[in-house]
Amino acid sequence: MEKQKAWVWFKGGLTGGKWVSGFIATSDEKEGIIIERTDFVRCRVPEWRVQFKEPEDEHKGPQIPKNPTWKYL
């Protein structure tokens, strides 16, 4: 996969979760997607946390699986 613009889902505090823009996402043969942004640490997250089209509602989250992994080390 080449680098693509992406929105990443973050759990929320009092205001709930939201999609955050400005990320560049790539994947390779390993599980998950690598996300990068200048003000965040580069990391690998599960595919369900990444969206490649701008969300219609930034506060409507993805289908979160039971016992989800939020970040791969």
Protein backbone atom coordinates (compact mmCIF):
# COMPACT_ATOMS: atom_id res chain seq x y z
CA MET A 1 0.00 0.00 0.00
CA GLU A 2 1.26 3.45 -0.78
CA LYS A 3 0.98 6.36 1.61
CA GLN A 4 -2.55 7.76 1.84
CA LYS A 5 -4.29 10.53 3.74
CA ALA A 6 -6.18 9.07 6.68
CA TRP A 7 -8.44 9.87 9.61
CA VAL A 8 -7.75 7.99 12.85
CA TRP A 9 -10.28 7.21 15.59
CA PHE A 10 -9.32 8.23 19.12
CA LYS A 11 -11.25 7.31 22.27
CA GLY A 12 -12.64 10.34 23.97
CA GLY A 13 -12.82 11.58 27.49
CA LEU A 14 -15.80 13.62 28.57
CA THR A 15 -16.68 14.66 25.02
CA GLY A 16 -16.51 11.16 23.50
CA GLY A 17 -14.31 9.89 20.71
CA LYS A 18 -13.62 11.51 17.36
CA TRP A 19 -11.93 11.05 14.01
CA VAL A 20 -8.72 13.08 13.76
CA SER A 21 -7.41 14.15 10.36
CA GLY A 22 -3.94 14.93 9.08
CA PHE A 23 -2.43 11.45 9.26
CA ILE A 24 -0.53 9.58 6.57
CA ALA A 25 -1.17 5.83 6.63
CA THR A 26 0.73 2.92 5.12
CA SER A 27 0.54 -0.82 5.52
CA ASP A 28 2.96 -3.64 4.91
CA GLU A 29 2.95 -7.39 5.36
CA LYS A 30 2.48 -7.08 9.14
CA GLU A 31 -0.86 -6.73 10.88
CA GLY A 32 -2.29 -3.23 11.23
CA ILE A 33 -1.59 0.13 9.61
CA ILE A 34 1.29 2.50 10.34
CA ILE A 35 0.11 6.05 11.03
CA GLU A 36 2.31 9.13 10.95
CA ARG A 37 1.84 12.80 11.75
CA THR A 38 4.44 15.40 12.74
CA ASP A 39 2.96 15.96 16.21
CA PHE A 40 2.33 12.27 17.03
CA VAL A 41 4.62 9.31 17.57
CA ARG A 42 4.66 7.02 14.53
CA CYS A 43 2.89 3.78 15.44
CA ARG A 44 0.97 0.79 14.14
CA VAL A 45 -2.75 0.63 14.86
CA PRO A 46 -5.50 -1.85 13.94
CA GLU A 47 -7.28 -1.35 10.61
CA TRP A 48 -10.62 -0.63 12.32
CA ARG A 49 -9.16 2.66 13.71
CA VAL A 50 -8.29 4.09 10.27
CA GLN A 51 -10.55 5.53 7.59
CA PHE A 52 -9.39 6.80 4.19
CA LYS A 53 -12.42 8.94 3.37
CA GLU A 54 -13.47 11.98 5.37
CA PRO A 55 -16.13 10.87 7.87
CA GLU A 56 -19.58 12.44 7.54
CA ASP A 57 -19.76 12.78 11.33
CA GLU A 58 -16.44 13.13 13.14
CA HIS A 59 -18.00 11.89 16.39
CA LYS A 60 -19.62 8.71 14.99
CA GLY A 61 -17.13 5.98 15.65
CA PRO A 62 -16.23 2.79 13.82
CA GLN A 63 -17.53 -0.65 14.70
CA ILE A 64 -15.21 -1.40 17.63
CA PRO A 65 -14.61 -5.13 18.15
CA LYS A 66 -14.96 -6.76 21.58
CA ASN A 67 -11.70 -6.60 23.58
CA PRO A 68 -10.05 -4.37 20.96
CA THR A 69 -6.37 -3.71 20.51
CA TRP A 70 -5.77 0.05 20.23
CA LYS A 71 -2.08 0.06 19.32
CA TYR A 72 0.41 -2.60 18.23
CA LEU A 73 3.90 -2.42 19.67
